[in-house]
Amino acid sequence: MATPSRNLLSWLFEDRRTCRIVVAQWPNILLWVWIAASAVNWLAHPGGRWGSALSVTGTVALAFWAIDEILRGVNPWRRIFGAGVLTFVAIRLLAAVL
């Protein structure tokens, strides 16, 4: 017999196509771009145009990844996570502007 908490967990984490539990997946190209840009920025600390270009590239890639998760995430957890990441990106951009 399914309990309410089991039903909630199934609803939240179950892939609607495969019925498998999905919490995380292998990164797609947008997430790899963000990872690479962030790693280079963190390791090399480039200044000027290169540093700005890496920051913008990483931020745009992460924002598009989050939008993609919101629109096409395989379960509600992935969509909620995408919304959280997009909110984080928006707050960081607003803080940088203000």
PDB file of N, CA and C in Angstrom:
ATOM      1  N   MET A   1       0.843  -1.183   0.000  1.00  0.00           N
ATOM      2  CA  MET A   1       0.000   0.000   0.000  1.00  0.00           C
ATOM      3  C   MET A   1       0.888   1.247   0.000  1.00  0.00           C
ATOM      4  N   ALA A   2       0.597   2.176  -0.871  1.00  0.00           N
ATOM      5  CA  ALA A   2       1.379   3.400  -0.986  1.00  0.00           C
ATOM      6  C   ALA A   2       0.996   4.382   0.109  1.00  0.00           C
ATOM      7  N   THR A   3       2.005   4.939   0.738  1.00  0.00           N
ATOM      8  CA  THR A   3       1.759   5.936   1.775  1.00  0.00           C
ATOM      9  C   THR A   3       1.768   7.317   1.138  1.00  0.00           C
ATOM     10  N   PRO A   4       1.199   8.318   1.831  1.00  0.00           N
ATOM     11  CA  PRO A   4       1.213   9.676   1.264  1.00  0.00           C
ATOM     12  C   PRO A   4       2.621  10.195   1.001  1.00  0.00           C
ATOM     13  N   SER A   5       3.577   9.889   1.888  1.00  0.00           N
ATOM     14  CA  SER A   5       4.938  10.368   1.658  1.00  0.00           C
ATOM     15  C   SER A   5       5.566   9.662   0.454  1.00  0.00           C
ATOM     16  N   ARG A   6       5.267   8.389   0.256  1.00  0.00           N
ATOM     17  CA  ARG A   6       5.769   7.665  -0.914  1.00  0.00           C
ATOM     18  C   ARG A   6       5.176   8.251  -2.188  1.00  0.00           C
ATOM     19  N   ASN A   7       3.888   8.580  -2.158  1.00  0.00           N
ATOM     20  CA  ASN A   7       3.253   9.186  -3.325  1.00  0.00           C
ATOM     21  C   ASN A   7       3.880  10.541  -3.639  1.00  0.00           C
ATOM     22  N   LEU A   8       4.167  11.333  -2.610  1.00  0.00           N
ATOM     23  CA  LEU A   8       4.795  12.643  -2.811  1.00  0.00           C
ATOM     24  C   LEU A   8       6.184  12.481  -3.409  1.00  0.00           C
ATOM     25  N   LEU A   9       6.967  11.543  -2.872  1.00  0.00           N
ATOM     26  CA  LEU A   9       8.313  11.324  -3.399  1.00  0.00           C
ATOM     27  C   LEU A   9       8.270  10.816  -4.839  1.00  0.00           C
ATOM     28  N   SER A  10       7.353   9.938  -5.124  1.00  0.00           N
ATOM     29  CA  SER A  10       7.212   9.457  -6.505  1.00  0.00           C
ATOM     30  C   SER A  10       6.840  10.601  -7.434  1.00  0.00           C
ATOM     31  N   TRP A  11       5.887  11.403  -7.023  1.00  0.00           N
ATOM     32  CA  TRP A  11       5.463  12.531  -7.842  1.00  0.00           C
ATOM     33  C   TRP A  11       6.620  13.491  -8.078  1.00  0.00           C
ATOM     34  N   LEU A  12       7.413  13.760  -7.031  1.00  0.00           N
ATOM     35  CA  LEU A  12       8.471  14.754  -7.104  1.00  0.00           C
ATOM     36  C   LEU A  12       9.664  14.293  -7.933  1.00  0.00           C
ATOM     37  N   PHE A  13      10.070  13.034  -7.767  1.00  0.00           N
ATOM     38  CA  PHE A  13      11.330  12.569  -8.351  1.00  0.00           C
ATOM     39  C   PHE A  13      11.200  11.594  -9.509  1.00  0.00           C
ATOM     40  N   GLU A  14      10.027  11.132  -9.835  1.00  0.00           N
ATOM     41  CA  GLU A  14       9.876  10.110 -10.874  1.00  0.00           C
ATOM     42  C   GLU A  14       9.859  10.732 -12.266  1.00  0.00           C
ATOM     43  N   ASP A  15      10.693  10.173 -13.146  1.00  0.00           N
ATOM     44  CA  ASP A  15      10.703  10.574 -14.548  1.00  0.00           C
ATOM     45  C   ASP A  15       9.395  10.100 -15.169  1.00  0.00           C
ATOM     46  N   ARG A  16       8.647  11.008 -15.784  1.00  0.00           N
ATOM     47  CA  ARG A  16       7.328  10.669 -16.320  1.00  0.00           C
ATOM     48  C   ARG A  16       7.388   9.710 -17.507  1.00  0.00           C
ATOM     49  N   ARG A  17       8.518   9.685 -18.210  1.00  0.00           N
ATOM     50  CA  ARG A  17       8.634   8.803 -19.371  1.00  0.00           C
ATOM     51  C   ARG A  17       9.097   7.397 -18.993  1.00  0.00           C
ATOM     52  N   THR A  18      10.056   7.306 -18.054  1.00  0.00           N
ATOM     53  CA  THR A  18      10.651   6.005 -17.738  1.00  0.00           C
ATOM     54  C   THR A  18      10.175   5.433 -16.409  1.00  0.00           C
ATOM     55  N   CYS A  19       9.505   6.243 -15.592  1.00  0.00           N
ATOM     56  CA  CYS A  19       9.052   5.840 -14.250  1.00  0.00           C
ATOM     57  C   CYS A  19      10.223   5.523 -13.322  1.00  0.00           C
ATOM     58  N   ARG A  20      11.411   6.014 -13.634  1.00  0.00           N
ATOM     59  CA  ARG A  20      12.582   5.837 -12.774  1.00  0.00           C
ATOM     60  C   ARG A  20      12.776   7.093 -11.950  1.00  0.00           C
ATOM     61  N   ILE A  21      13.370   6.945 -10.775  1.00  0.00           N
ATOM     62  CA  ILE A  21      13.672   8.088  -9.915  1.00  0.00           C
ATOM     63  C   ILE A  21      14.868   8.831 -10.498  1.00  0.00           C
ATOM     64  N   VAL A  22      14.716  10.143 -10.697  1.00  0.00           N
ATOM     65  CA  VAL A  22      15.778  10.974 -11.250  1.00  0.00           C
ATOM     66  C   VAL A  22      15.961  12.189 -10.350  1.00  0.00           C
ATOM     67  N   VAL A  23      17.144  12.285  -9.741  1.00  0.00           N
ATOM     68  CA  VAL A  23      17.480  13.446  -8.932  1.00  0.00           C
ATOM     69  C   VAL A  23      18.438  14.334  -9.722  1.00  0.00           C
ATOM     70  N   ALA A  24      19.410  13.725 -10.382  1.00  0.00           N
ATOM     71  CA  ALA A  24      20.383  14.456 -11.189  1.00  0.00           C
ATOM     72  C   ALA A  24      20.668  13.647 -12.450  1.00  0.00           C
ATOM     73  N   GLN A  25      21.136  14.342 -13.464  1.00  0.00           N
ATOM     74  CA  GLN A  25      21.490  13.700 -14.727  1.00  0.00           C
ATOM     75  C   GLN A  25      22.861  14.190 -15.159  1.00  0.00           C
ATOM     76  N   TRP A  26      23.440  13.515 -16.123  1.00  0.00           N
ATOM     77  CA  TRP A  26      24.701  13.959 -16.689  1.00  0.00           C
ATOM     78  C   TRP A  26      24.500  15.344 -17.300  1.00  0.00           C
ATOM     79  N   PRO A  27      25.428  16.281 -17.086  1.00  0.00           N
ATOM     80  CA  PRO A  27      25.243  17.646 -17.596  1.00  0.00           C
ATOM     81  C   PRO A  27      25.090  17.705 -19.116  1.00  0.00           C
ATOM     82  N   ASN A  28      24.215  18.616 -19.557  1.00  0.00           N
ATOM     83  CA  ASN A  28      24.086  18.857 -20.988  1.00  0.00           C
ATOM     84  C   ASN A  28      25.082  19.950 -21.383  1.00  0.00           C
ATOM     85  N   ILE A  29      25.077  20.344 -22.635  1.00  0.00           N
ATOM     86  CA  ILE A  29      26.090  21.284 -23.134  1.00  0.00           C
ATOM     87  C   ILE A  29      26.056  22.620 -22.399  1.00  0.00           C
ATOM     88  N   LEU A  30      24.875  23.111 -22.061  1.00  0.00           N
ATOM     89  CA  LEU A  30      24.795  24.395 -21.362  1.00  0.00           C
ATOM     90  C   LEU A  30      25.451  24.324 -19.990  1.00  0.00           C
ATOM     91  N   LEU A  31      25.233  23.230 -19.292  1.00  0.00           N
ATOM     92  CA  LEU A  31      25.849  23.087 -17.977  1.00  0.00           C
ATOM     93  C   LEU A  31      27.355  22.889 -18.096  1.00  0.00           C
ATOM     94  N   TRP A  32      27.812  22.192 -19.139  1.00  0.00           N
ATOM     95  CA  TRP A  32      29.250  22.049 -19.357  1.00  0.00           C
ATOM     96  C   TRP A  32      29.897  23.401 -19.656  1.00  0.00           C
ATOM     97  N   VAL A  33      29.224  24.248 -20.409  1.00  0.00           N
ATOM     98  CA  VAL A  33      29.759  25.584 -20.703  1.00  0.00           C
ATOM     99  C   VAL A  33      29.904  26.374 -19.407  1.00  0.00           C
ATOM    100  N   TRP A  34      28.883  26.323 -18.555  1.00  0.00           N
ATOM    101  CA  TRP A  34      28.956  27.023 -17.268  1.00  0.00           C
ATOM    102  C   TRP A  34      30.087  26.465 -16.398  1.00  0.00           C
ATOM    103  N   ILE A  35      30.205  25.134 -16.338  1.00  0.00           N
ATOM    104  CA  ILE A  35      31.267  24.502 -15.546  1.00  0.00           C
ATOM    105  C   ILE A  35      32.636  24.936 -16.055  1.00  0.00           C
ATOM    106  N   ALA A  36      32.835  24.895 -17.374  1.00  0.00           N
ATOM    107  CA  ALA A  36      34.128  25.264 -17.954  1.00  0.00           C
ATOM    108  C   ALA A  36      34.452  26.737 -17.712  1.00  0.00           C
ATOM    109  N   ALA A  37      33.481  27.613 -17.955  1.00  0.00           N
ATOM    110  CA  ALA A  37      33.713  29.052 -17.758  1.00  0.00           C
ATOM    111  C   ALA A  37      34.006  29.347 -16.287  1.00  0.00           C
ATOM    112  N   SER A  38      33.273  28.714 -15.389  1.00  0.00           N
ATOM    113  CA  SER A  38      33.495  28.934 -13.957  1.00  0.00           C
ATOM    114  C   SER A  38      34.855  28.406 -13.525  1.00  0.00           C
ATOM    115  N   ALA A  39      35.242  27.241 -14.037  1.00  0.00           N
ATOM    116  CA  ALA A  39      36.528  26.654 -13.673  1.00  0.00           C
ATOM    117  C   ALA A  39      37.689  27.526 -14.152  1.00  0.00           C
ATOM    118  N   VAL A  40      37.613  27.992 -15.384  1.00  0.00           N
ATOM    119  CA  VAL A  40      38.684  28.851 -15.906  1.00  0.00           C
ATOM    120  C   VAL A  40      38.745  30.148 -15.108  1.00  0.00           C
ATOM    121  N   ASN A  41      37.601  30.744 -14.820  1.00  0.00           N
ATOM    122  CA  ASN A  41      37.569  31.969 -14.025  1.00  0.00           C
ATOM    123  C   ASN A  41      38.168  31.744 -12.638  1.00  0.00           C
ATOM    124  N   TRP A  42      37.847  30.611 -12.036  1.00  0.00           N
ATOM    125  CA  TRP A  42      38.310  30.317 -10.686  1.00  0.00           C
ATOM    126  C   TRP A  42      39.808  30.001 -10.656  1.00  0.00           C
ATOM    127  N   LEU A  43      40.273  29.233 -11.645  1.00  0.00           N
ATOM    128  CA  LEU A  43      41.668  28.810 -11.658  1.00  0.00           C
ATOM    129  C   LEU A  43      42.619  29.878 -12.185  1.00  0.00           C
ATOM    130  N   ALA A  44      42.226  30.579 -13.228  1.00  0.00           N
ATOM    131  CA  ALA A  44      43.135  31.506 -13.899  1.00  0.00           C
ATOM    132  C   ALA A  44      42.963  32.956 -13.453  1.00  0.00           C
ATOM    133  N   HIS A  45      41.833  33.302 -12.906  1.00  0.00           N
ATOM    134  CA  HIS A  45      41.536  34.677 -12.489  1.00  0.00           C
ATOM    135  C   HIS A  45      41.845  35.691 -13.590  1.00  0.00           C
ATOM    136  N   PRO A  46      41.335  35.467 -14.811  1.00  0.00           N
ATOM    137  CA  PRO A  46      41.633  36.432 -15.866  1.00  0.00           C
ATOM    138  C   PRO A  46      40.928  37.757 -15.577  1.00  0.00           C
ATOM    139  N   GLY A  47      41.588  38.813 -15.884  1.00  0.00           N
ATOM    140  CA  GLY A  47      40.987  40.125 -15.681  1.00  0.00           C
ATOM    141  C   GLY A  47      40.514  40.693 -16.997  1.00  0.00           C
ATOM    142  N   GLY A  48      39.998  41.888 -16.929  1.00  0.00           N
ATOM    143  CA  GLY A  48      39.611  42.615 -18.133  1.00  0.00           C
ATOM    144  C   GLY A  48      38.545  41.928 -18.951  1.00  0.00           C
ATOM    145  N   ARG A  49      38.745  42.000 -20.264  1.00  0.00           N
ATOM    146  CA  ARG A  49      37.748  41.469 -21.199  1.00  0.00           C
ATOM    147  C   ARG A  49      37.568  39.955 -21.075  1.00  0.00           C
ATOM    148  N   TRP A  50      38.673  39.226 -20.876  1.00  0.00           N
ATOM    149  CA  TRP A  50      38.575  37.763 -20.785  1.00  0.00           C
ATOM    150  C   TRP A  50      37.760  37.350 -19.563  1.00  0.00           C
ATOM    151  N   GLY A  51      38.028  37.989 -18.443  1.00  0.00           N
ATOM    152  CA  GLY A  51      37.270  37.676 -17.232  1.00  0.00           C
ATOM    153  C   GLY A  51      35.800  38.021 -17.389  1.00  0.00           C
ATOM    154  N   SER A  52      35.532  39.165 -17.994  1.00  0.00           N
ATOM    155  CA  SER A  52      34.145  39.566 -18.233  1.00  0.00           C
ATOM    156  C   SER A  52      33.452  38.621 -19.201  1.00  0.00           C
ATOM    157  N   ALA A  53      34.160  38.252 -20.259  1.00  0.00           N
ATOM    158  CA  ALA A  53      33.580  37.333 -21.250  1.00  0.00           C
ATOM    159  C   ALA A  53      33.260  35.978 -20.624  1.00  0.00           C
ATOM    160  N   LEU A  54      34.151  35.478 -19.785  1.00  0.00           N
ATOM    161  CA  LEU A  54      33.902  34.198 -19.119  1.00  0.00           C
ATOM    162  C   LEU A  54      32.717  34.303 -18.159  1.00  0.00           C
ATOM    163  N   SER A  55      32.633  35.395 -17.428  1.00  0.00           N
ATOM    164  CA  SER A  55      31.523  35.579 -16.492  1.00  0.00           C
ATOM    165  C   SER A  55      30.187  35.658 -17.224  1.00  0.00           C
ATOM    166  N   VAL A  56      30.145  36.436 -18.295  1.00  0.00           N
ATOM    167  CA  VAL A  56      28.904  36.583 -19.064  1.00  0.00           C
ATOM    168  C   VAL A  56      28.527  35.246 -19.706  1.00  0.00           C
ATOM    169  N   THR A  57      29.506  34.575 -20.306  1.00  0.00           N
ATOM    170  CA  THR A  57      29.239  33.288 -20.949  1.00  0.00           C
ATOM    171  C   THR A  57      28.699  32.277 -19.941  1.00  0.00           C
ATOM    172  N   GLY A  58      29.341  32.182 -18.786  1.00  0.00           N
ATOM    173  CA  GLY A  58      28.895  31.256 -17.753  1.00  0.00           C
ATOM    174  C   GLY A  58      27.508  31.585 -17.233  1.00  0.00           C
ATOM    175  N   THR A  59      27.252  32.862 -16.991  1.00  0.00           N
ATOM    176  CA  THR A  59      25.948  33.274 -16.472  1.00  0.00           C
ATOM    177  C   THR A  59      24.839  33.013 -17.484  1.00  0.00           C
ATOM    178  N   VAL A  60      25.075  33.349 -18.737  1.00  0.00           N
ATOM    179  CA  VAL A  60      24.065  33.126 -19.775  1.00  0.00           C
ATOM    180  C   VAL A  60      23.802  31.628 -19.946  1.00  0.00           C
ATOM    181  N   ALA A  61      24.859  30.818 -19.957  1.00  0.00           N
ATOM    182  CA  ALA A  61      24.687  29.370 -20.096  1.00  0.00           C
ATOM    183  C   ALA A  61      23.887  28.807 -18.923  1.00  0.00           C
ATOM    184  N   LEU A  62      24.190  29.251 -17.706  1.00  0.00           N
ATOM    185  CA  LEU A  62      23.467  28.759 -16.535  1.00  0.00           C
ATOM    186  C   LEU A  62      22.008  29.200 -16.566  1.00  0.00           C
ATOM    187  N   ALA A  63      21.751  30.430 -16.995  1.00  0.00           N
ATOM    188  CA  ALA A  63      20.366  30.914 -17.080  1.00  0.00           C
ATOM    189  C   ALA A  63      19.577  30.109 -18.118  1.00  0.00           C
ATOM    190  N   PHE A  64      20.182  29.861 -19.274  1.00  0.00           N
ATOM    191  CA  PHE A  64      19.484  29.075 -20.288  1.00  0.00           C
ATOM    192  C   PHE A  64      19.288  27.623 -19.840  1.00  0.00           C
ATOM    193  N   TRP A  65      20.267  27.072 -19.104  1.00  0.00           N
ATOM    194  CA  TRP A  65      20.102  25.724 -18.556  1.00  0.00           C
ATOM    195  C   TRP A  65      18.905  25.695 -17.605  1.00  0.00           C
ATOM    196  N   ALA A  66      18.808  26.708 -16.744  1.00  0.00           N
ATOM    197  CA  ALA A  66      17.705  26.762 -15.781  1.00  0.00           C
ATOM    198  C   ALA A  66      16.360  26.883 -16.498  1.00  0.00           C
ATOM    199  N   ILE A  67      16.298  27.719 -17.512  1.00  0.00           N
ATOM    200  CA  ILE A  67      15.052  27.863 -18.285  1.00  0.00           C
ATOM    201  C   ILE A  67      14.694  26.540 -18.955  1.00  0.00           C
ATOM    202  N   ASP A  68      15.693  25.860 -19.506  1.00  0.00           N
ATOM    203  CA  ASP A  68      15.456  24.553 -20.131  1.00  0.00           C
ATOM    204  C   ASP A  68      14.922  23.550 -19.104  1.00  0.00           C
ATOM    205  N   GLU A  69      15.466  23.558 -17.891  1.00  0.00           N
ATOM    206  CA  GLU A  69      14.979  22.655 -16.847  1.00  0.00           C
ATOM    207  C   GLU A  69      13.540  22.988 -16.460  1.00  0.00           C
ATOM    208  N   ILE A  70      13.231  24.275 -16.367  1.00  0.00           N
ATOM    209  CA  ILE A  70      11.864  24.674 -16.020  1.00  0.00           C
ATOM    210  C   ILE A  70      10.883  24.178 -17.082  1.00  0.00           C
ATOM    211  N   LEU A  71      11.256  24.317 -18.338  1.00  0.00           N
ATOM    212  CA  LEU A  71      10.357  23.966 -19.436  1.00  0.00           C
ATOM    213  C   LEU A  71      10.338  22.477 -19.754  1.00  0.00           C
ATOM    214  N   ARG A  72      11.502  21.800 -19.638  1.00  0.00           N
ATOM    215  CA  ARG A  72      11.569  20.423 -20.100  1.00  0.00           C
ATOM    216  C   ARG A  72      12.105  19.438 -19.068  1.00  0.00           C
ATOM    217  N   GLY A  73      12.147  19.841 -17.798  1.00  0.00           N
ATOM    218  CA  GLY A  73      12.638  18.932 -16.764  1.00  0.00           C
ATOM    219  C   GLY A  73      11.822  17.657 -16.720  1.00  0.00           C
ATOM    220  N   VAL A  74      12.467  16.535 -16.393  1.00  0.00           N
ATOM    221  CA  VAL A  74      11.794  15.237 -16.458  1.00  0.00           C
ATOM    222  C   VAL A  74      10.860  14.983 -15.282  1.00  0.00           C
ATOM    223  N   ASN A  75      10.940  15.811 -14.255  1.00  0.00           N
ATOM    224  CA  ASN A  75      10.051  15.657 -13.101  1.00  0.00           C
ATOM    225  C   ASN A  75       9.934  17.001 -12.383  1.00  0.00           C
ATOM    226  N   PRO A  76       9.001  17.132 -11.456  1.00  0.00           N
ATOM    227  CA  PRO A  76       8.838  18.405 -10.749  1.00  0.00           C
ATOM    228  C   PRO A  76      10.092  18.851 -10.003  1.00  0.00           C
ATOM    229  N   TRP A  77      10.859  17.904  -9.446  1.00  0.00           N
ATOM    230  CA  TRP A  77      12.084  18.278  -8.741  1.00  0.00           C
ATOM    231  C   TRP A  77      13.025  19.028  -9.664  1.00  0.00           C
ATOM    232  N   ARG A  78      13.230  18.546 -10.875  1.00  0.00           N
ATOM    233  CA  ARG A  78      14.137  19.200 -11.823  1.00  0.00           C
ATOM    234  C   ARG A  78      13.614  20.580 -12.209  1.00  0.00           C
ATOM    235  N   ARG A  79      12.310  20.718 -12.335  1.00  0.00           N
ATOM    236  CA  ARG A  79      11.721  22.012 -12.686  1.00  0.00           C
ATOM    237  C   ARG A  79      11.843  22.997 -11.529  1.00  0.00           C
ATOM    238  N   ILE A  80      11.633  22.515 -10.313  1.00  0.00           N
ATOM    239  CA  ILE A  80      11.792  23.366  -9.125  1.00  0.00           C
ATOM    240  C   ILE A  80      13.254  23.788  -8.983  1.00  0.00           C
ATOM    241  N   PHE A  81      14.164  22.850  -9.202  1.00  0.00           N
ATOM    242  CA  PHE A  81      15.589  23.155  -9.120  1.00  0.00           C
ATOM    243  C   PHE A  81      15.980  24.200 -10.171  1.00  0.00           C
ATOM    244  N   GLY A  82      15.471  24.047 -11.388  1.00  0.00           N
ATOM    245  CA  GLY A  82      15.726  25.039 -12.432  1.00  0.00           C
ATOM    246  C   GLY A  82      15.215  26.414 -12.046  1.00  0.00           C
ATOM    247  N   ALA A  83      14.027  26.467 -11.445  1.00  0.00           N
ATOM    248  CA  ALA A  83      13.474  27.751 -11.001  1.00  0.00           C
ATOM    249  C   ALA A  83      14.337  28.361  -9.904  1.00  0.00           C
ATOM    250  N   GLY A  84      14.844  27.527  -9.011  1.00  0.00           N
ATOM    251  CA  GLY A  84      15.723  28.022  -7.951  1.00  0.00           C
ATOM    252  C   GLY A  84      17.021  28.578  -8.500  1.00  0.00           C
ATOM    253  N   VAL A  85      17.607  27.881  -9.464  1.00  0.00           N
ATOM    254  CA  VAL A  85      18.853  28.355 -10.081  1.00  0.00           C
ATOM    255  C   VAL A  85      18.601  29.646 -10.845  1.00  0.00           C
ATOM    256  N   LEU A  86      17.499  29.730 -11.576  1.00  0.00           N
ATOM    257  CA  LEU A  86      17.187  30.955 -12.309  1.00  0.00           C
ATOM    258  C   LEU A  86      16.966  32.121 -11.346  1.00  0.00           C
ATOM    259  N   THR A  87      16.320  31.875 -10.233  1.00  0.00           N
ATOM    260  CA  THR A  87      16.132  32.909  -9.214  1.00  0.00           C
ATOM    261  C   THR A  87      17.488  33.372  -8.673  1.00  0.00           C
ATOM    262  N   PHE A  88      18.379  32.415  -8.391  1.00  0.00           N
ATOM    263  CA  PHE A  88      19.719  32.736  -7.908  1.00  0.00           C
ATOM    264  C   PHE A  88      20.477  33.604  -8.913  1.00  0.00           C
ATOM    265  N   VAL A  89      20.410  33.239 -10.189  1.00  0.00           N
ATOM    266  CA  VAL A  89      21.095  34.007 -11.241  1.00  0.00           C
ATOM    267  C   VAL A  89      20.517  35.424 -11.303  1.00  0.00           C
ATOM    268  N   ALA A  90      19.200  35.542 -11.244  1.00  0.00           N
ATOM    269  CA  ALA A  90      18.542  36.859 -11.312  1.00  0.00           C
ATOM    270  C   ALA A  90      18.941  37.720 -10.117  1.00  0.00           C
ATOM    271  N   ILE A  91      18.982  37.142  -8.929  1.00  0.00           N
ATOM    272  CA  ILE A  91      19.363  37.905  -7.739  1.00  0.00           C
ATOM    273  C   ILE A  91      20.815  38.364  -7.835  1.00  0.00           C
ATOM    274  N   ARG A  92      21.695  37.484  -8.320  1.00  0.00           N
ATOM    275  CA  ARG A  92      23.105  37.876  -8.496  1.00  0.00           C
ATOM    276  C   ARG A  92      23.236  39.004  -9.508  1.00  0.00           C
ATOM    277  N   LEU A  93      22.465  38.946 -10.586  1.00  0.00           N
ATOM    278  CA  LEU A  93      22.540  40.012 -11.584  1.00  0.00           C
ATOM    279  C   LEU A  93      22.003  41.324 -11.023  1.00  0.00           C
ATOM    280  N   LEU A  94      20.895  41.259 -10.293  1.00  0.00           N
ATOM    281  CA  LEU A  94      20.360  42.467  -9.673  1.00  0.00           C
ATOM    282  C   LEU A  94      21.324  43.059  -8.658  1.00  0.00           C
ATOM    283  N   ALA A  95      21.969  42.212  -7.874  1.00  0.00           N
ATOM    284  CA  ALA A  95      22.924  42.696  -6.877  1.00  0.00           C
ATOM    285  C   ALA A  95      24.118  43.356  -7.559  1.00  0.00           C
ATOM    286  N   ALA A  96      24.530  42.820  -8.722  1.00  0.00           N
ATOM    287  CA  ALA A  96      25.661  43.413  -9.443  1.00  0.00           C
ATOM    288  C   ALA A  96      25.298  44.769 -10.046  1.00  0.00           C
ATOM    289  N   VAL A  97      24.042  44.932 -10.430  1.00  0.00           N
ATOM    290  CA  VAL A  97      23.602  46.182 -11.036  1.00  0.00           C
ATOM    291  C   VAL A  97      23.392  47.266  -9.982  1.00  0.00           C
ATOM    292  N   LEU A  98      22.866  46.866  -8.840  1.00  0.00           N
ATOM    293  CA  LEU A  98      22.562  47.849  -7.780  1.00  0.00           C
ATOM    294  C   LEU A  98      23.729  48.187  -6.972  1.00  0.00           C
TER     295      LEU A  98
END
